[in-house]
Amino acid sequence: QIMKMIPHRYPLLLIDRLMDIVPN
């Protein structure tokens, strides 16, 4: 899902997961 949200790819994609989300 992160790869659908931001354009970064290996070797520069530096987050594996997003959690504890409070939108905005």
PDB file of all heavy atoms in Angstrom:
ATOM      1  N   GLN A   1       0.832  -1.206   0.000  1.00  0.00           N
ATOM      2  CA  GLN A   1       0.000   0.000   0.000  1.00  0.00           C
ATOM      3  C   GLN A   1       0.866   1.254   0.000  1.00  0.00           C
ATOM      4  O   GLN A   1       0.538   2.236  -0.662  1.00  0.00           O
ATOM      5  CB  GLN A   1      -0.936  -0.015   1.206  1.00  0.00           C
ATOM      6  CG  GLN A   1      -1.988  -1.104   1.137  1.00  0.00           C
ATOM      7  CD  GLN A   1      -2.724  -1.241   2.455  1.00  0.00           C
ATOM      8  OE1 GLN A   1      -2.148  -1.653   3.473  1.00  0.00           O
ATOM      9  NE2 GLN A   1      -3.990  -0.879   2.457  1.00  0.00           N
ATOM     10  N   ILE A   2       1.972   1.230   0.741  1.00  0.00           N
ATOM     11  CA  ILE A   2       2.889   2.377   0.760  1.00  0.00           C
ATOM     12  C   ILE A   2       3.400   2.647  -0.649  1.00  0.00           C
ATOM     13  O   ILE A   2       3.467   3.797  -1.086  1.00  0.00           O
ATOM     14  CB  ILE A   2       4.052   2.136   1.750  1.00  0.00           C
ATOM     15  CG1 ILE A   2       3.538   2.191   3.190  1.00  0.00           C
ATOM     16  CG2 ILE A   2       5.168   3.162   1.534  1.00  0.00           C
ATOM     17  CD1 ILE A   2       4.531   1.707   4.229  1.00  0.00           C
ATOM     18  N   MET A   3       3.720   1.589  -1.392  1.00  0.00           N
ATOM     19  CA  MET A   3       4.247   1.773  -2.753  1.00  0.00           C
ATOM     20  C   MET A   3       3.188   2.321  -3.706  1.00  0.00           C
ATOM     21  O   MET A   3       3.524   2.886  -4.739  1.00  0.00           O
ATOM     22  CB  MET A   3       4.849   0.471  -3.277  1.00  0.00           C
ATOM     23  CG  MET A   3       6.123   0.123  -2.526  1.00  0.00           C
ATOM     24  SD  MET A   3       7.153  -1.232  -3.169  1.00  0.00           S
ATOM     25  CE  MET A   3       6.038  -2.367  -3.875  1.00  0.00           C
ATOM     26  N   LYS A   4       1.918   2.196  -3.371  1.00  0.00           N
ATOM     27  CA  LYS A   4       0.857   2.834  -4.149  1.00  0.00           C
ATOM     28  C   LYS A   4       0.722   4.313  -3.775  1.00  0.00           C
ATOM     29  O   LYS A   4       0.213   5.101  -4.554  1.00  0.00           O
ATOM     30  CB  LYS A   4      -0.475   2.124  -3.920  1.00  0.00           C
ATOM     31  CG  LYS A   4      -0.525   0.726  -4.516  1.00  0.00           C
ATOM     32  CD  LYS A   4      -1.837   0.053  -4.207  1.00  0.00           C
ATOM     33  CE  LYS A   4      -1.846  -1.380  -4.733  1.00  0.00           C
ATOM     34  NZ  LYS A   4      -3.058  -2.096  -4.344  1.00  0.00           N
ATOM     35  N   MET A   5       1.168   4.665  -2.572  1.00  0.00           N
ATOM     36  CA  MET A   5       0.989   6.023  -2.052  1.00  0.00           C
ATOM     37  C   MET A   5       2.140   6.962  -2.411  1.00  0.00           C
ATOM     38  O   MET A   5       1.911   8.144  -2.677  1.00  0.00           O
ATOM     39  CB  MET A   5       0.830   5.962  -0.524  1.00  0.00           C
ATOM     40  CG  MET A   5      -0.363   5.158  -0.069  1.00  0.00           C
ATOM     41  SD  MET A   5      -0.303   4.810   1.699  1.00  0.00           S
ATOM     42  CE  MET A   5      -0.932   6.328   2.347  1.00  0.00           C
ATOM     43  N   ILE A   6       3.367   6.439  -2.358  1.00  0.00           N
ATOM     44  CA  ILE A   6       4.533   7.272  -2.648  1.00  0.00           C
ATOM     45  C   ILE A   6       5.363   6.593  -3.734  1.00  0.00           C
ATOM     46  O   ILE A   6       5.321   5.370  -3.867  1.00  0.00           O
ATOM     47  CB  ILE A   6       5.381   7.568  -1.376  1.00  0.00           C
ATOM     48  CG1 ILE A   6       5.927   6.306  -0.734  1.00  0.00           C
ATOM     49  CG2 ILE A   6       4.558   8.384  -0.362  1.00  0.00           C
ATOM     50  CD1 ILE A   6       6.837   6.554   0.474  1.00  0.00           C
ATOM     51  N   PRO A   7       6.106   7.367  -4.527  1.00  0.00           N
ATOM     52  CA  PRO A   7       6.796   6.798  -5.689  1.00  0.00           C
ATOM     53  C   PRO A   7       8.118   6.099  -5.391  1.00  0.00           C
ATOM     54  O   PRO A   7       8.704   5.503  -6.285  1.00  0.00           O
ATOM     55  CB  PRO A   7       7.039   8.030  -6.569  1.00  0.00           C
ATOM     56  CG  PRO A   7       7.194   9.149  -5.591  1.00  0.00           C
ATOM     57  CD  PRO A   7       6.221   8.825  -4.485  1.00  0.00           C
ATOM     58  N   HIS A   8       8.609   6.142  -4.183  1.00  0.00           N
ATOM     59  CA  HIS A   8       9.919   5.585  -3.844  1.00  0.00           C
ATOM     60  C   HIS A   8       9.955   4.070  -4.030  1.00  0.00           C
ATOM     61  O   HIS A   8       8.993   3.378  -3.750  1.00  0.00           O
ATOM     62  CB  HIS A   8      10.271   5.932  -2.399  1.00  0.00           C
ATOM     63  CG  HIS A   8      10.219   7.391  -2.121  1.00  0.00           C
ATOM     64  ND1 HIS A   8       9.023   8.057  -1.916  1.00  0.00           N
ATOM     65  CD2 HIS A   8      11.191   8.313  -2.040  1.00  0.00           C
ATOM     66  CE1 HIS A   8       9.272   9.338  -1.714  1.00  0.00           C
ATOM     67  NE2 HIS A   8      10.583   9.519  -1.777  1.00  0.00           N
ATOM     68  N   ARG A   9      11.107   3.586  -4.481  1.00  0.00           N
ATOM     69  CA  ARG A   9      11.337   2.161  -4.681  1.00  0.00           C
ATOM     70  C   ARG A   9      12.749   1.834  -4.204  1.00  0.00           C
ATOM     71  O   ARG A   9      13.556   2.727  -3.966  1.00  0.00           O
ATOM     72  CB  ARG A   9      11.189   1.766  -6.162  1.00  0.00           C
ATOM     73  CG  ARG A   9       9.786   1.958  -6.733  1.00  0.00           C
ATOM     74  CD  ARG A   9       8.775   1.035  -6.037  1.00  0.00           C
ATOM     75  NE  ARG A   9       7.426   1.211  -6.555  1.00  0.00           N
ATOM     76  CZ  ARG A   9       6.519   2.024  -6.025  1.00  0.00           C
ATOM     77  NH1 ARG A   9       6.798   2.779  -4.992  1.00  0.00           N
ATOM     78  NH2 ARG A   9       5.295   2.073  -6.533  1.00  0.00           N
ATOM     79  N   TYR A  10      13.053   0.541  -4.099  1.00  0.00           N
ATOM     80  CA  TYR A  10      14.383   0.102  -3.715  1.00  0.00           C
ATOM     81  C   TYR A  10      15.410   0.764  -4.641  1.00  0.00           C
ATOM     82  O   TYR A  10      15.173   0.849  -5.842  1.00  0.00           O
ATOM     83  CB  TYR A  10      14.498  -1.435  -3.824  1.00  0.00           C
ATOM     84  CG  TYR A  10      15.886  -1.924  -3.507  1.00  0.00           C
ATOM     85  CD1 TYR A  10      16.264  -2.144  -2.189  1.00  0.00           C
ATOM     86  CD2 TYR A  10      16.822  -2.116  -4.508  1.00  0.00           C
ATOM     87  CE1 TYR A  10      17.550  -2.558  -1.888  1.00  0.00           C
ATOM     88  CE2 TYR A  10      18.113  -2.522  -4.209  1.00  0.00           C
ATOM     89  CZ  TYR A  10      18.469  -2.740  -2.896  1.00  0.00           C
ATOM     90  OH  TYR A  10      19.739  -3.132  -2.603  1.00  0.00           O
ATOM     91  N   PRO A  11      16.483   1.255  -4.108  1.00  0.00           N
ATOM     92  CA  PRO A  11      16.957   1.149  -2.734  1.00  0.00           C
ATOM     93  C   PRO A  11      16.584   2.349  -1.855  1.00  0.00           C
ATOM     94  O   PRO A  11      17.109   2.491  -0.766  1.00  0.00           O
ATOM     95  CB  PRO A  11      18.479   1.088  -2.910  1.00  0.00           C
ATOM     96  CG  PRO A  11      18.743   1.976  -4.093  1.00  0.00           C
ATOM     97  CD  PRO A  11      17.554   1.781  -5.000  1.00  0.00           C
ATOM     98  N   LEU A  12      15.669   3.200  -2.316  1.00  0.00           N
ATOM     99  CA  LEU A  12      15.372   4.411  -1.555  1.00  0.00           C
ATOM    100  C   LEU A  12      14.027   4.387  -0.831  1.00  0.00           C
ATOM    101  O   LEU A  12      13.669   5.375  -0.215  1.00  0.00           O
ATOM    102  CB  LEU A  12      15.475   5.642  -2.457  1.00  0.00           C
ATOM    103  CG  LEU A  12      16.065   6.849  -1.755  1.00  0.00           C
ATOM    104  CD1 LEU A  12      17.442   6.586  -1.169  1.00  0.00           C
ATOM    105  CD2 LEU A  12      16.104   8.041  -2.659  1.00  0.00           C
ATOM    106  N   LEU A  13      13.301   3.297  -0.872  1.00  0.00           N
ATOM    107  CA  LEU A  13      12.080   3.191  -0.082  1.00  0.00           C
ATOM    108  C   LEU A  13      12.500   2.814   1.334  1.00  0.00           C
ATOM    109  O   LEU A  13      13.050   1.737   1.554  1.00  0.00           O
ATOM    110  CB  LEU A  13      11.134   2.144  -0.678  1.00  0.00           C
ATOM    111  CG  LEU A  13       9.812   1.943   0.060  1.00  0.00           C
ATOM    112  CD1 LEU A  13       9.028   3.252   0.190  1.00  0.00           C
ATOM    113  CD2 LEU A  13       8.974   0.895  -0.640  1.00  0.00           C
ATOM    114  N   LEU A  14      12.273   3.709   2.279  1.00  0.00           N
ATOM    115  CA  LEU A  14      12.865   3.552   3.615  1.00  0.00           C
ATOM    116  C   LEU A  14      11.850   3.357   4.736  1.00  0.00           C
ATOM    117  O   LEU A  14      12.201   3.491   5.915  1.00  0.00           O
ATOM    118  CB  LEU A  14      13.759   4.760   3.918  1.00  0.00           C
ATOM    119  CG  LEU A  14      14.962   4.881   2.984  1.00  0.00           C
ATOM    120  CD1 LEU A  14      15.695   6.191   3.230  1.00  0.00           C
ATOM    121  CD2 LEU A  14      15.904   3.703   3.174  1.00  0.00           C
ATOM    122  N   ILE A  15      10.600   3.043   4.390  1.00  0.00           N
ATOM    123  CA  ILE A  15       9.636   2.653   5.418  1.00  0.00           C
ATOM    124  C   ILE A  15       8.973   1.353   4.973  1.00  0.00           C
ATOM    125  O   ILE A  15       8.713   1.145   3.795  1.00  0.00           O
ATOM    126  CB  ILE A  15       8.587   3.752   5.730  1.00  0.00           C
ATOM    127  CG1 ILE A  15       7.845   4.220   4.483  1.00  0.00           C
ATOM    128  CG2 ILE A  15       9.247   4.914   6.462  1.00  0.00           C
ATOM    129  CD1 ILE A  15       6.709   5.186   4.764  1.00  0.00           C
ATOM    130  N   ASP A  16       8.751   0.472   5.932  1.00  0.00           N
ATOM    131  CA  ASP A  16       8.166  -0.836   5.661  1.00  0.00           C
ATOM    132  C   ASP A  16       6.687  -0.896   6.019  1.00  0.00           C
ATOM    133  O   ASP A  16       5.959  -1.736   5.514  1.00  0.00           O
ATOM    134  CB  ASP A  16       8.884  -1.923   6.471  1.00  0.00           C
ATOM    135  CG  ASP A  16      10.352  -2.030   6.123  1.00  0.00           C
ATOM    136  OD1 ASP A  16      10.685  -1.918   4.930  1.00  0.00           O
ATOM    137  OD2 ASP A  16      11.169  -2.227   7.049  1.00  0.00           O
ATOM    138  N   ARG A  17       6.254  -0.011   6.903  1.00  0.00           N
ATOM    139  CA  ARG A  17       4.885  -0.067   7.402  1.00  0.00           C
ATOM    140  C   ARG A  17       4.511   1.300   7.957  1.00  0.00           C
ATOM    141  O   ARG A  17       5.375   2.038   8.441  1.00  0.00           O
ATOM    142  CB  ARG A  17       4.818  -1.117   8.512  1.00  0.00           C
ATOM    143  CG  ARG A  17       3.445  -1.387   9.045  1.00  0.00           C
ATOM    144  CD  ARG A  17       3.427  -2.511  10.075  1.00  0.00           C
ATOM    145  NE  ARG A  17       4.017  -3.712   9.486  1.00  0.00           N
ATOM    146  CZ  ARG A  17       4.813  -4.549  10.147  1.00  0.00           C
ATOM    147  NH1 ARG A  17       5.139  -4.321  11.393  1.00  0.00           N
ATOM    148  NH2 ARG A  17       5.299  -5.609   9.542  1.00  0.00           N
ATOM    149  N   LEU A  18       3.215   1.620   7.906  1.00  0.00           N
ATOM    150  CA  LEU A  18       2.675   2.835   8.522  1.00  0.00           C
ATOM    151  C   LEU A  18       1.603   2.393   9.501  1.00  0.00           C
ATOM    152  O   LEU A  18       0.731   1.584   9.150  1.00  0.00           O
ATOM    153  CB  LEU A  18       2.086   3.754   7.446  1.00  0.00           C
ATOM    154  CG  LEU A  18       1.788   5.195   7.842  1.00  0.00           C
ATOM    155  CD1 LEU A  18       3.079   5.948   8.146  1.00  0.00           C
ATOM    156  CD2 LEU A  18       1.014   5.910   6.743  1.00  0.00           C
ATOM    157  N   MET A  19       1.674   2.896  10.731  1.00  0.00           N
ATOM    158  CA  MET A  19       0.723   2.471  11.762  1.00  0.00           C
ATOM    159  C   MET A  19       0.445   3.625  12.714  1.00  0.00           C
ATOM    160  O   MET A  19       0.962   4.727  12.528  1.00  0.00           O
ATOM    161  CB  MET A  19       1.277   1.254  12.502  1.00  0.00           C
ATOM    162  CG  MET A  19       2.628   1.462  13.087  1.00  0.00           C
ATOM    163  SD  MET A  19       3.406  -0.118  13.430  1.00  0.00           S
ATOM    164  CE  MET A  19       4.904   0.471  14.156  1.00  0.00           C
ATOM    165  N   ASP A  20      -0.383   3.369  13.736  1.00  0.00           N
ATOM    166  CA  ASP A  20      -0.763   4.394  14.718  1.00  0.00           C
ATOM    167  C   ASP A  20      -1.242   5.664  14.007  1.00  0.00           C
ATOM    168  O   ASP A  20      -0.897   6.777  14.385  1.00  0.00           O
ATOM    169  CB  ASP A  20       0.402   4.735  15.662  1.00  0.00           C
ATOM    170  CG  ASP A  20       0.949   3.533  16.398  1.00  0.00           C
ATOM    171  OD1 ASP A  20       0.177   2.582  16.634  1.00  0.00           O
ATOM    172  OD2 ASP A  20       2.147   3.532  16.733  1.00  0.00           O
ATOM    173  N   ILE A  21      -2.064   5.476  12.986  1.00  0.00           N
ATOM    174  CA  ILE A  21      -2.458   6.578  12.105  1.00  0.00           C
ATOM    175  C   ILE A  21      -3.640   7.353  12.691  1.00  0.00           C
ATOM    176  O   ILE A  21      -4.660   6.770  13.049  1.00  0.00           O
ATOM    177  CB  ILE A  21      -2.840   6.039  10.712  1.00  0.00           C
ATOM    178  CG1 ILE A  21      -1.683   5.233  10.123  1.00  0.00           C
ATOM    179  CG2 ILE A  21      -3.278   7.170   9.789  1.00  0.00           C
ATOM    180  CD1 ILE A  21      -2.074   4.339   8.967  1.00  0.00           C
ATOM    181  N   VAL A  22      -3.469   8.658  12.756  1.00  0.00           N
ATOM    182  CA  VAL A  22      -4.562   9.581  13.047  1.00  0.00           C
ATOM    183  C   VAL A  22      -4.602  10.515  11.841  1.00  0.00           C
ATOM    184  O   VAL A  22      -3.744  11.393  11.711  1.00  0.00           O
ATOM    185  CB  VAL A  22      -4.335  10.380  14.355  1.00  0.00           C
ATOM    186  CG1 VAL A  22      -5.496  11.339  14.590  1.00  0.00           C
ATOM    187  CG2 VAL A  22      -4.136   9.447  15.540  1.00  0.00           C
ATOM    188  N   PRO A  23      -5.542  10.283  10.904  1.00  0.00           N
ATOM    189  CA  PRO A  23      -5.561  11.085   9.673  1.00  0.00           C
ATOM    190  C   PRO A  23      -5.492  12.589   9.968  1.00  0.00           C
ATOM    191  O   PRO A  23      -6.107  13.080  10.915  1.00  0.00           O
ATOM    192  CB  PRO A  23      -6.899  10.699   9.024  1.00  0.00           C
ATOM    193  CG  PRO A  23      -7.146   9.298   9.520  1.00  0.00           C
ATOM    194  CD  PRO A  23      -6.636   9.313  10.943  1.00  0.00           C
ATOM    195  N   ASN A  24      -4.700  13.275   9.147  1.00  0.00           N
ATOM    196  CA  ASN A  24      -4.481  14.724   9.259  1.00  0.00           C
ATOM    197  C   ASN A  24      -3.741  15.136  10.526  1.00  0.00           C
ATOM    198  O   ASN A  24      -3.622  16.322  10.797  1.00  0.00           O
ATOM    199  CB  ASN A  24      -5.795  15.506   9.164  1.00  0.00           C
ATOM    200  CG  ASN A  24      -6.409  15.391   7.810  1.00  0.00           C
ATOM    201  OD1 ASN A  24      -5.790  15.739   6.809  1.00  0.00           O
ATOM    202  ND2 ASN A  24      -7.626  14.866   7.754  1.00  0.00           N
TER     203      ASN A  24
END
